Amino acid sequence: MIEALRDWMIESFSTLSESFDPVRDTIDIGIVAFAVYWLLILIKGTRAEQMVAGLLIVVFFWLISVQAELATVSFILDNFLSWGVLIVIVIFQRDIRRVLTRVGLGVFASNSGHGVQAIEEIVRACQSLAQRRVGALLVIQRDLELDEHMELGTRVDAELSRDLLLALFLPYSPLHDGAVVVRESRIAAAGCILPLALGAKISSTLGTRHRAALGIAEESDAIAVVVSEETGRISLVQGSEITEDLDGPQLRQLLLQLTGVMQEDATEPTRERNAKEGVKSVAATLQSESR
């Protein structure tokens, strides 16, 4: 086995030295390294990460069995790997779709269409719901359409407002159990059923709303805001990351950054000034209500 491995290394080194081109091969290796690194970043924290690690271990043992001329083991592993790609595609089609979707979003990104006033209405509604210990799940659509998830809910297409959000999430509402989808500063649908995130790394303390928020955020580029019914805490989910225990100003700051409103307003002084005045006005109103 050691001699076979040595011969393989000598042959590989000889072939490399004969056909090596510094410029071409450096570019080639750099592109492959970047692609692998980018792929690892995308699958980090998902089920695909564990699957890739398992496949690498299988490939490692397959290489050893080939070099050691273990006919039976190499035959079994060879057949397994030949079908392994198809098995991975079938089992992890959701993760593959999420990765390809993010690739497309990176090329064809567009404006999410959310404004400062819409963010303020969402923040005020979440604060009121948190104070009353009323559970809520709010999904803010960005570039990727969420029509397939809205089909399972009730179409609303109404102007986004704090009062309407409260009415939808209060316990006596028939739509309070599902998620509300916000699109282009309007309430597009309510009572939507979202996919649940499943994985060993998800805390057992997270309830169904938080798992649904992680599920939709991992599958798309949407932002999910969750109000816990048990604790009254506000959480924000984006990608595979969850930020818990947010207050009103912190939630506002994150939503302004993630929806791109803050960056857009930075290039327009008038809108920025109006936004700041609106934020101060809402803050003053919330303070007076708390008193």
C-alpha atoms as a PDB file:
ATOM      1  CA  MET A   1       0.000   0.000   0.000  1.00  0.00           C
ATOM      2  CA  ILE A   2       2.809   2.402   0.907  1.00  0.00           C
ATOM      3  CA  GLU A   3       4.648   1.639  -2.339  1.00  0.00           C
ATOM      4  CA  ALA A   4       1.481   2.171  -4.385  1.00  0.00           C
ATOM      5  CA  LEU A   5       0.854   5.488  -2.672  1.00  0.00           C
ATOM      6  CA  ARG A   6       4.467   6.532  -3.286  1.00  0.00           C
ATOM      7  CA  ASP A   7       4.263   5.594  -6.981  1.00  0.00           C
ATOM      8  CA  TRP A   8       1.018   7.548  -7.316  1.00  0.00           C
ATOM      9  CA  MET A   9       2.568  10.629  -5.729  1.00  0.00           C
ATOM     10  CA  ILE A  10       5.674  10.411  -7.968  1.00  0.00           C
ATOM     11  CA  GLU A  11       3.524  10.008 -11.074  1.00  0.00           C
ATOM     12  CA  SER A  12       1.274  12.910 -10.080  1.00  0.00           C
ATOM     13  CA  PHE A  13       4.239  15.181  -9.371  1.00  0.00           C
ATOM     14  CA  SER A  14       5.834  14.273 -12.709  1.00  0.00           C
ATOM     15  CA  THR A  15       2.625  15.000 -14.609  1.00  0.00           C
ATOM     16  CA  LEU A  16       2.171  18.290 -12.752  1.00  0.00           C
ATOM     17  CA  SER A  17       5.719  19.472 -13.440  1.00  0.00           C
ATOM     18  CA  GLU A  18       5.398  18.741 -17.156  1.00  0.00           C
ATOM     19  CA  SER A  19       2.063  20.518 -17.751  1.00  0.00           C
ATOM     20  CA  PHE A  20       2.222  23.291 -15.130  1.00  0.00           C
ATOM     21  CA  ASP A  21       1.560  26.836 -16.377  1.00  0.00           C
ATOM     22  CA  PRO A  22       1.960  29.414 -13.555  1.00  0.00           C
ATOM     23  CA  VAL A  23      -0.569  31.982 -14.828  1.00  0.00           C
ATOM     24  CA  ARG A  24      -3.206  29.626 -16.169  1.00  0.00           C
ATOM     25  CA  ASP A  25      -3.086  27.175 -13.282  1.00  0.00           C
ATOM     26  CA  THR A  26      -3.037  29.926 -10.654  1.00  0.00           C
ATOM     27  CA  ILE A  27      -6.222  31.405 -12.128  1.00  0.00           C
ATOM     28  CA  ASP A  28      -7.755  27.939 -12.390  1.00  0.00           C
ATOM     29  CA  ILE A  29      -6.950  27.027  -8.785  1.00  0.00           C
ATOM     30  CA  GLY A  30      -8.100  30.446  -7.536  1.00  0.00           C
ATOM     31  CA  ILE A  31     -11.511  30.096  -9.208  1.00  0.00           C
ATOM     32  CA  VAL A  32     -12.014  26.591  -7.835  1.00  0.00           C
ATOM     33  CA  ALA A  33     -10.892  27.641  -4.337  1.00  0.00           C
ATOM     34  CA  PHE A  34     -13.283  30.608  -4.338  1.00  0.00           C
ATOM     35  CA  ALA A  35     -16.167  28.429  -5.566  1.00  0.00           C
ATOM     36  CA  VAL A  36     -15.532  25.814  -2.857  1.00  0.00           C
ATOM     37  CA  TYR A  37     -15.215  28.489  -0.153  1.00  0.00           C
ATOM     38  CA  TRP A  38     -18.420  30.210  -1.309  1.00  0.00           C
ATOM     39  CA  LEU A  39     -20.264  26.882  -1.364  1.00  0.00           C
ATOM     40  CA  LEU A  40     -19.104  26.050   2.162  1.00  0.00           C
ATOM     41  CA  ILE A  41     -20.345  29.439   3.377  1.00  0.00           C
ATOM     42  CA  LEU A  42     -23.773  28.798   1.828  1.00  0.00           C
ATOM     43  CA  ILE A  43     -24.219  25.339   3.350  1.00  0.00           C
ATOM     44  CA  LYS A  44     -22.825  26.283   6.766  1.00  0.00           C
ATOM     45  CA  GLY A  45     -25.302  25.479   9.509  1.00  0.00           C
ATOM     46  CA  THR A  46     -27.568  23.388   7.231  1.00  0.00           C
ATOM     47  CA  ARG A  47     -28.146  19.656   6.862  1.00  0.00           C
ATOM     48  CA  ALA A  48     -26.074  19.741   3.676  1.00  0.00           C
ATOM     49  CA  GLU A  49     -22.981  20.575   5.737  1.00  0.00           C
ATOM     50  CA  GLN A  50     -23.179  17.247   7.569  1.00  0.00           C
ATOM     51  CA  MET A  51     -23.930  15.413   4.313  1.00  0.00           C
ATOM     52  CA  VAL A  52     -20.861  16.876   2.579  1.00  0.00           C
ATOM     53  CA  ALA A  53     -18.659  15.849   5.515  1.00  0.00           C
ATOM     54  CA  GLY A  54     -20.036  12.298   5.313  1.00  0.00           C
ATOM     55  CA  LEU A  55     -19.426  12.110   1.560  1.00  0.00           C
ATOM     56  CA  LEU A  56     -15.840  13.307   1.976  1.00  0.00           C
ATOM     57  CA  ILE A  57     -15.229  10.526   4.497  1.00  0.00           C
ATOM     58  CA  VAL A  58     -16.686   7.956   2.071  1.00  0.00           C
ATOM     59  CA  VAL A  59     -14.506   9.291  -0.769  1.00  0.00           C
ATOM     60  CA  PHE A  60     -11.447   9.115   1.491  1.00  0.00           C
ATOM     61  CA  PHE A  61     -12.066   5.449   2.292  1.00  0.00           C
ATOM     62  CA  TRP A  62     -12.773   4.753  -1.394  1.00  0.00           C
ATOM     63  CA  LEU A  63      -9.376   6.175  -2.381  1.00  0.00           C
ATOM     64  CA  ILE A  64      -7.668   4.083   0.276  1.00  0.00           C
ATOM     65  CA  SER A  65      -9.481   0.925  -0.877  1.00  0.00           C
ATOM     66  CA  VAL A  66      -8.462   1.555  -4.498  1.00  0.00           C
ATOM     67  CA  GLN A  67      -4.817   2.118  -3.612  1.00  0.00           C
ATOM     68  CA  ALA A  68      -4.814  -0.900  -1.301  1.00  0.00           C
ATOM     69  CA  GLU A  69      -6.518  -2.997  -4.033  1.00  0.00           C
ATOM     70  CA  LEU A  70      -9.395  -4.008  -1.773  1.00  0.00           C
ATOM     71  CA  ALA A  71     -11.651  -5.237  -4.563  1.00  0.00           C
ATOM     72  CA  THR A  72     -14.848  -5.845  -2.590  1.00  0.00           C
ATOM     73  CA  VAL A  73     -14.718  -2.617  -0.584  1.00  0.00           C
ATOM     74  CA  SER A  74     -13.821  -0.489  -3.604  1.00  0.00           C
ATOM     75  CA  PHE A  75     -16.623  -2.158  -5.634  1.00  0.00           C
ATOM     76  CA  ILE A  76     -19.221  -1.333  -2.960  1.00  0.00           C
ATOM     77  CA  LEU A  77     -18.032   2.241  -2.464  1.00  0.00           C
ATOM     78  CA  ASP A  78     -17.730   2.807  -6.209  1.00  0.00           C
ATOM     79  CA  ASN A  79     -21.352   1.788  -6.768  1.00  0.00           C
ATOM     80  CA  PHE A  80     -22.482   3.821  -3.782  1.00  0.00           C
ATOM     81  CA  LEU A  81     -20.737   6.967  -5.061  1.00  0.00           C
ATOM     82  CA  SER A  82     -22.125   6.480  -8.562  1.00  0.00           C
ATOM     83  CA  TRP A  83     -25.643   6.685  -7.115  1.00  0.00           C
ATOM     84  CA  GLY A  84     -24.665   9.070  -4.330  1.00  0.00           C
ATOM     85  CA  VAL A  85     -25.037  12.209  -6.441  1.00  0.00           C
ATOM     86  CA  LEU A  86     -28.617  11.312  -7.361  1.00  0.00           C
ATOM     87  CA  ILE A  87     -29.415  10.450  -3.738  1.00  0.00           C
ATOM     88  CA  VAL A  88     -28.031  13.781  -2.545  1.00  0.00           C
ATOM     89  CA  ILE A  89     -30.089  15.701  -5.126  1.00  0.00           C
ATOM     90  CA  VAL A  90     -33.313  13.942  -4.111  1.00  0.00           C
ATOM     91  CA  ILE A  91     -32.814  14.214  -0.353  1.00  0.00           C
ATOM     92  CA  PHE A  92     -31.409  17.743  -0.296  1.00  0.00           C
ATOM     93  CA  GLN A  93     -33.405  19.306  -3.093  1.00  0.00           C
ATOM     94  CA  ARG A  94     -34.598  22.031  -0.729  1.00  0.00           C
ATOM     95  CA  ASP A  95     -31.042  23.026   0.220  1.00  0.00           C
ATOM     96  CA  ILE A  96     -29.911  22.898  -3.407  1.00  0.00           C
ATOM     97  CA  ARG A  97     -32.813  25.096  -4.427  1.00  0.00           C
ATOM     98  CA  ARG A  98     -31.927  27.564  -1.687  1.00  0.00           C
ATOM     99  CA  VAL A  99     -28.304  27.739  -2.858  1.00  0.00           C
ATOM    100  CA  LEU A 100     -29.271  28.222  -6.522  1.00  0.00           C
ATOM    101  CA  THR A 101     -31.818  30.833  -5.517  1.00  0.00           C
ATOM    102  CA  ARG A 102     -29.172  32.851  -3.702  1.00  0.00           C
ATOM    103  CA  VAL A 103     -26.930  32.612  -6.751  1.00  0.00           C
ATOM    104  CA  GLY A 104     -29.713  34.044  -8.895  1.00  0.00           C
ATOM    105  CA  LEU A 105     -30.472  36.767  -6.376  1.00  0.00           C
ATOM    106  CA  GLY A 106     -26.834  37.827  -6.427  1.00  0.00           C
ATOM    107  CA  VAL A 107     -27.097  38.395 -10.187  1.00  0.00           C
ATOM    108  CA  PHE A 108     -30.642  39.673 -10.552  1.00  0.00           C
ATOM    109  CA  ALA A 109     -31.118  41.615  -7.303  1.00  0.00           C
ATOM    110  CA  SER A 110     -33.843  44.245  -7.295  1.00  0.00           C
ATOM    111  CA  ASN A 111     -35.350  46.812  -4.981  1.00  0.00           C
ATOM    112  CA  SER A 112     -37.545  45.315  -2.261  1.00  0.00           C
ATOM    113  CA  GLY A 113     -39.907  48.304  -2.353  1.00  0.00           C
ATOM    114  CA  HIS A 114     -40.245  48.798   1.414  1.00  0.00           C
ATOM    115  CA  GLY A 115     -40.336  52.293   2.886  1.00  0.00           C
ATOM    116  CA  VAL A 116     -39.670  53.920   6.227  1.00  0.00           C
ATOM    117  CA  GLN A 117     -43.360  54.206   7.060  1.00  0.00           C
ATOM    118  CA  ALA A 118     -43.910  50.485   6.479  1.00  0.00           C
ATOM    119  CA  ILE A 119     -41.016  49.666   8.794  1.00  0.00           C
ATOM    120  CA  GLU A 120     -42.466  51.955  11.465  1.00  0.00           C
ATOM    121  CA  GLU A 121     -45.861  50.254  11.262  1.00  0.00           C
ATOM    122  CA  ILE A 122     -44.232  46.835  11.649  1.00  0.00           C
ATOM    123  CA  VAL A 123     -42.150  47.962  14.641  1.00  0.00           C
ATOM    124  CA  ARG A 124     -45.124  49.564  16.388  1.00  0.00           C
ATOM    125  CA  ALA A 125     -47.260  46.474  15.809  1.00  0.00           C
ATOM    126  CA  CYS A 126     -44.566  44.145  17.154  1.00  0.00           C
ATOM    127  CA  GLN A 127     -44.119  46.301  20.254  1.00  0.00           C
ATOM    128  CA  SER A 128     -47.846  46.274  20.962  1.00  0.00           C
ATOM    129  CA  LEU A 129     -48.070  42.516  20.417  1.00  0.00           C
ATOM    130  CA  ALA A 130     -45.052  41.899  22.656  1.00  0.00           C
ATOM    131  CA  GLN A 131     -46.562  43.975  25.461  1.00  0.00           C
ATOM    132  CA  ARG A 132     -49.781  41.937  25.243  1.00  0.00           C
ATOM    133  CA  ARG A 133     -47.931  38.596  24.968  1.00  0.00           C
ATOM    134  CA  VAL A 134     -49.617  37.843  21.643  1.00  0.00           C
ATOM    135  CA  GLY A 135     -47.678  35.521  19.330  1.00  0.00           C
ATOM    136  CA  ALA A 136     -46.991  36.714  15.797  1.00  0.00           C
ATOM    137  CA  LEU A 137     -44.983  35.764  12.717  1.00  0.00           C
ATOM    138  CA  LEU A 138     -44.319  38.434  10.100  1.00  0.00           C
ATOM    139  CA  VAL A 139     -42.486  37.680   6.831  1.00  0.00           C
ATOM    140  CA  ILE A 140     -41.077  40.566   4.793  1.00  0.00           C
ATOM    141  CA  GLN A 141     -40.572  39.607   1.161  1.00  0.00           C
ATOM    142  CA  ARG A 142     -37.527  41.009  -0.612  1.00  0.00           C
ATOM    143  CA  ASP A 143     -36.312  39.885  -4.045  1.00  0.00           C
ATOM    144  CA  LEU A 144     -37.555  36.297  -4.060  1.00  0.00           C
ATOM    145  CA  GLU A 145     -41.299  35.846  -4.592  1.00  0.00           C
ATOM    146  CA  LEU A 146     -43.230  33.947  -1.911  1.00  0.00           C
ATOM    147  CA  ASP A 147     -46.332  33.152  -3.962  1.00  0.00           C
ATOM    148  CA  GLU A 148     -46.121  29.385  -3.339  1.00  0.00           C
ATOM    149  CA  HIS A 149     -46.367  30.001   0.412  1.00  0.00           C
ATOM    150  CA  MET A 150     -49.131  32.589   0.073  1.00  0.00           C
ATOM    151  CA  GLU A 151     -51.261  30.080  -1.822  1.00  0.00           C
ATOM    152  CA  LEU A 152     -51.749  28.186   1.454  1.00  0.00           C
ATOM    153  CA  GLY A 153     -52.987  31.332   3.195  1.00  0.00           C
ATOM    154  CA  THR A 154     -55.605  34.007   2.576  1.00  0.00           C
ATOM    155  CA  ARG A 155     -54.932  36.797   0.126  1.00  0.00           C
ATOM    156  CA  VAL A 156     -55.364  40.220   1.714  1.00  0.00           C
ATOM    157  CA  ASP A 157     -53.596  42.842  -0.443  1.00  0.00           C
ATOM    158  CA  ALA A 158     -54.263  45.672   2.008  1.00  0.00           C
ATOM    159  CA  GLU A 159     -52.365  48.734   3.115  1.00  0.00           C
ATOM    160  CA  LEU A 160     -49.854  47.944   5.831  1.00  0.00           C
ATOM    161  CA  SER A 161     -50.829  49.422   9.188  1.00  0.00           C
ATOM    162  CA  ARG A 162     -50.286  48.712  12.855  1.00  0.00           C
ATOM    163  CA  ASP A 163     -54.008  48.322  13.564  1.00  0.00           C
ATOM    164  CA  LEU A 164     -54.521  45.780  10.783  1.00  0.00           C
ATOM    165  CA  LEU A 165     -51.554  43.709  11.946  1.00  0.00           C
ATOM    166  CA  LEU A 166     -52.941  43.705  15.484  1.00  0.00           C
ATOM    167  CA  ALA A 167     -56.346  42.623  14.184  1.00  0.00           C
ATOM    168  CA  LEU A 168     -54.817  39.744  12.227  1.00  0.00           C
ATOM    169  CA  PHE A 169     -52.739  38.391  15.107  1.00  0.00           C
ATOM    170  CA  LEU A 170     -55.115  38.791  18.036  1.00  0.00           C
ATOM    171  CA  PRO A 171     -56.293  35.392  19.340  1.00  0.00           C
ATOM    172  CA  TYR A 172     -59.881  35.785  18.183  1.00  0.00           C
ATOM    173  CA  SER A 173     -58.805  36.326  14.575  1.00  0.00           C
ATOM    174  CA  PRO A 174     -59.239  33.232  12.325  1.00  0.00           C
ATOM    175  CA  LEU A 175     -55.849  34.002  10.726  1.00  0.00           C
ATOM    176  CA  HIS A 176     -53.784  34.495  13.877  1.00  0.00           C
ATOM    177  CA  ASP A 177     -52.088  31.079  13.761  1.00  0.00           C
ATOM    178  CA  GLY A 178     -50.399  31.573  10.405  1.00  0.00           C
ATOM    179  CA  ALA A 179     -47.821  34.027   9.085  1.00  0.00           C
ATOM    180  CA  VAL A 180     -48.461  37.426   7.546  1.00  0.00           C
ATOM    181  CA  VAL A 181     -46.516  38.155   4.355  1.00  0.00           C
ATOM    182  CA  VAL A 182     -45.584  41.775   3.638  1.00  0.00           C
ATOM    183  CA  ARG A 183     -44.746  42.678   0.045  1.00  0.00           C
ATOM    184  CA  GLU A 184     -43.883  46.165  -1.234  1.00  0.00           C
ATOM    185  CA  SER A 185     -45.181  47.857   1.920  1.00  0.00           C
ATOM    186  CA  ARG A 186     -48.527  46.043   1.699  1.00  0.00           C
ATOM    187  CA  ILE A 187     -49.982  43.053   3.513  1.00  0.00           C
ATOM    188  CA  ALA A 188     -50.116  40.490   0.726  1.00  0.00           C
ATOM    189  CA  ALA A 189     -51.483  37.485   2.619  1.00  0.00           C
ATOM    190  CA  ALA A 190     -52.277  36.202   6.108  1.00  0.00           C
ATOM    191  CA  GLY A 191     -52.648  32.792   7.721  1.00  0.00           C
ATOM    192  CA  CYS A 192     -49.809  31.407   5.586  1.00  0.00           C
ATOM    193  CA  ILE A 193     -48.263  28.027   6.417  1.00  0.00           C
ATOM    194  CA  LEU A 194     -44.461  28.068   6.230  1.00  0.00           C
ATOM    195  CA  PRO A 195     -41.925  25.225   6.077  1.00  0.00           C
ATOM    196  CA  LEU A 196     -40.340  24.323   9.403  1.00  0.00           C
ATOM    197  CA  ALA A 197     -36.576  24.301   9.822  1.00  0.00           C
ATOM    198  CA  LEU A 198     -35.253  20.933  10.942  1.00  0.00           C
ATOM    199  CA  GLY A 199     -31.753  20.361  12.217  1.00  0.00           C
ATOM    200  CA  ALA A 200     -29.693  19.309  15.167  1.00  0.00           C
ATOM    201  CA  LYS A 201     -28.296  22.809  15.648  1.00  0.00           C
ATOM    202  CA  ILE A 202     -31.705  24.362  16.269  1.00  0.00           C
ATOM    203  CA  SER A 203     -32.330  25.040  19.933  1.00  0.00           C
ATOM    204  CA  SER A 204     -34.981  22.876  21.541  1.00  0.00           C
ATOM    205  CA  THR A 205     -36.358  25.966  23.258  1.00  0.00           C
ATOM    206  CA  LEU A 206     -37.547  27.436  19.967  1.00  0.00           C
ATOM    207  CA  GLY A 207     -41.250  27.044  19.246  1.00  0.00           C
ATOM    208  CA  THR A 208     -43.111  26.459  16.009  1.00  0.00           C
ATOM    209  CA  ARG A 209     -43.127  30.142  15.015  1.00  0.00           C
ATOM    210  CA  HIS A 210     -39.349  30.426  15.349  1.00  0.00           C
ATOM    211  CA  ARG A 211     -38.815  27.201  13.406  1.00  0.00           C
ATOM    212  CA  ALA A 212     -41.141  28.442  10.670  1.00  0.00           C
ATOM    213  CA  ALA A 213     -39.259  31.758  10.568  1.00  0.00           C
ATOM    214  CA  LEU A 214     -35.944  29.908  10.200  1.00  0.00           C
ATOM    215  CA  GLY A 215     -37.458  27.671   7.535  1.00  0.00           C
ATOM    216  CA  ILE A 216     -38.643  30.508   5.286  1.00  0.00           C
ATOM    217  CA  ALA A 217     -35.504  32.594   5.893  1.00  0.00           C
ATOM    218  CA  GLU A 218     -33.219  29.696   4.941  1.00  0.00           C
ATOM    219  CA  GLU A 219     -35.269  28.863   1.855  1.00  0.00           C
ATOM    220  CA  SER A 220     -35.501  32.436   0.577  1.00  0.00           C
ATOM    221  CA  ASP A 221     -34.043  35.897   1.164  1.00  0.00           C
ATOM    222  CA  ALA A 222     -37.063  36.989   3.214  1.00  0.00           C
ATOM    223  CA  ILE A 223     -36.829  38.565   6.655  1.00  0.00           C
ATOM    224  CA  ALA A 224     -38.957  37.049   9.413  1.00  0.00           C
ATOM    225  CA  VAL A 225     -39.997  38.818  12.618  1.00  0.00           C
ATOM    226  CA  VAL A 226     -41.310  36.684  15.475  1.00  0.00           C
ATOM    227  CA  VAL A 227     -43.112  37.739  18.646  1.00  0.00           C
ATOM    228  CA  SER A 228     -43.050  35.019  21.285  1.00  0.00           C
ATOM    229  CA  GLU A 229     -46.364  34.246  22.939  1.00  0.00           C
ATOM    230  CA  GLU A 230     -44.658  32.778  26.020  1.00  0.00           C
ATOM    231  CA  THR A 231     -42.040  35.468  26.721  1.00  0.00           C
ATOM    232  CA  GLY A 232     -43.216  38.478  24.716  1.00  0.00           C
ATOM    233  CA  ARG A 233     -39.739  38.796  23.179  1.00  0.00           C
ATOM    234  CA  ILE A 234     -39.172  39.978  19.624  1.00  0.00           C
ATOM    235  CA  SER A 235     -36.795  38.066  17.341  1.00  0.00           C
ATOM    236  CA  LEU A 236     -35.560  38.680  13.798  1.00  0.00           C
ATOM    237  CA  VAL A 237     -34.487  35.891  11.474  1.00  0.00           C
ATOM    238  CA  GLN A 238     -32.470  36.290   8.306  1.00  0.00           C
ATOM    239  CA  GLY A 239     -30.768  33.394   6.529  1.00  0.00           C
ATOM    240  CA  SER A 240     -29.824  30.875   9.188  1.00  0.00           C
ATOM    241  CA  GLU A 241     -29.207  33.501  11.866  1.00  0.00           C
ATOM    242  CA  ILE A 242     -31.671  34.509  14.547  1.00  0.00           C
ATOM    243  CA  THR A 243     -31.369  37.671  16.647  1.00  0.00           C
ATOM    244  CA  GLU A 244     -33.410  37.410  19.816  1.00  0.00           C
ATOM    245  CA  ASP A 245     -34.681  39.728  22.544  1.00  0.00           C
ATOM    246  CA  LEU A 246     -34.923  42.919  20.455  1.00  0.00           C
ATOM    247  CA  ASP A 247     -36.540  46.140  21.563  1.00  0.00           C
ATOM    248  CA  GLY A 248     -38.263  48.624  19.260  1.00  0.00           C
ATOM    249  CA  PRO A 249     -35.213  50.742  18.264  1.00  0.00           C
ATOM    250  CA  GLN A 250     -33.059  47.665  17.672  1.00  0.00           C
ATOM    251  CA  LEU A 251     -35.715  46.045  15.493  1.00  0.00           C
ATOM    252  CA  ARG A 252     -36.153  49.288  13.552  1.00  0.00           C
ATOM    253  CA  GLN A 253     -32.417  49.596  12.966  1.00  0.00           C
ATOM    254  CA  LEU A 254     -32.108  46.026  11.672  1.00  0.00           C
ATOM    255  CA  LEU A 255     -35.117  46.302   9.376  1.00  0.00           C
ATOM    256  CA  LEU A 256     -33.886  49.582   7.913  1.00  0.00           C
ATOM    257  CA  GLN A 257     -30.521  48.011   7.165  1.00  0.00           C
ATOM    258  CA  LEU A 258     -31.757  44.684   5.804  1.00  0.00           C
ATOM    259  CA  THR A 259     -34.450  46.163   3.558  1.00  0.00           C
ATOM    260  CA  GLY A 260     -32.032  48.734   2.120  1.00  0.00           C
ATOM    261  CA  VAL A 261     -34.114  51.726   3.204  1.00  0.00           C
ATOM    262  CA  MET A 262     -31.230  53.219   5.163  1.00  0.00           C
ATOM    263  CA  GLN A 263     -28.821  52.983   2.215  1.00  0.00           C
ATOM    264  CA  GLU A 264     -31.322  54.480  -0.207  1.00  0.00           C
ATOM    265  CA  ASP A 265     -32.126  57.375   2.091  1.00  0.00           C
ATOM    266  CA  ALA A 266     -28.419  58.107   2.593  1.00  0.00           C
ATOM    267  CA  THR A 267     -28.228  59.272  -1.016  1.00  0.00           C
ATOM    268  CA  GLU A 268     -31.287  61.504  -0.722  1.00  0.00           C
ATOM    269  CA  PRO A 269     -30.938  64.172   2.019  1.00  0.00           C
ATOM    270  CA  THR A 270     -34.598  65.178   1.944  1.00  0.00           C
ATOM    271  CA  ARG A 271     -35.916  61.675   2.455  1.00  0.00           C
ATOM    272  CA  GLU A 272     -33.333  61.056   5.147  1.00  0.00           C
ATOM    273  CA  ARG A 273     -34.433  64.135   7.068  1.00  0.00           C
ATOM    274  CA  ASN A 274     -38.088  63.156   6.748  1.00  0.00           C
ATOM    275  CA  ALA A 275     -37.304  59.614   7.882  1.00  0.00           C
ATOM    276  CA  LYS A 276     -35.461  60.858  10.962  1.00  0.00           C
ATOM    277  CA  GLU A 277     -38.329  63.167  11.825  1.00  0.00           C
ATOM    278  CA  GLY A 278     -40.762  60.282  11.411  1.00  0.00           C
ATOM    279  CA  VAL A 279     -38.676  58.036  13.643  1.00  0.00           C
ATOM    280  CA  LYS A 280     -38.481  60.753  16.330  1.00  0.00           C
ATOM    281  CA  SER A 281     -42.227  61.285  16.102  1.00  0.00           C
ATOM    282  CA  VAL A 282     -42.978  57.592  16.501  1.00  0.00           C
ATOM    283  CA  ALA A 283     -40.515  57.309  19.388  1.00  0.00           C
ATOM    284  CA  ALA A 284     -42.146  60.236  21.155  1.00  0.00           C
ATOM    285  CA  THR A 285     -45.569  58.702  20.640  1.00  0.00           C
ATOM    286  CA  LEU A 286     -44.446  55.354  22.046  1.00  0.00           C
ATOM    287  CA  GLN A 287     -42.936  57.071  25.089  1.00  0.00           C
ATOM    288  CA  SER A 288     -46.127  58.998  25.759  1.00  0.00           C
ATOM    289  CA  GLU A 289     -48.190  55.797  25.412  1.00  0.00           C
ATOM    290  CA  SER A 290     -45.957  53.934  27.862  1.00  0.00           C
ATOM    291  CA  ARG A 291     -46.386  56.736  30.412  1.00  0.00           C
END
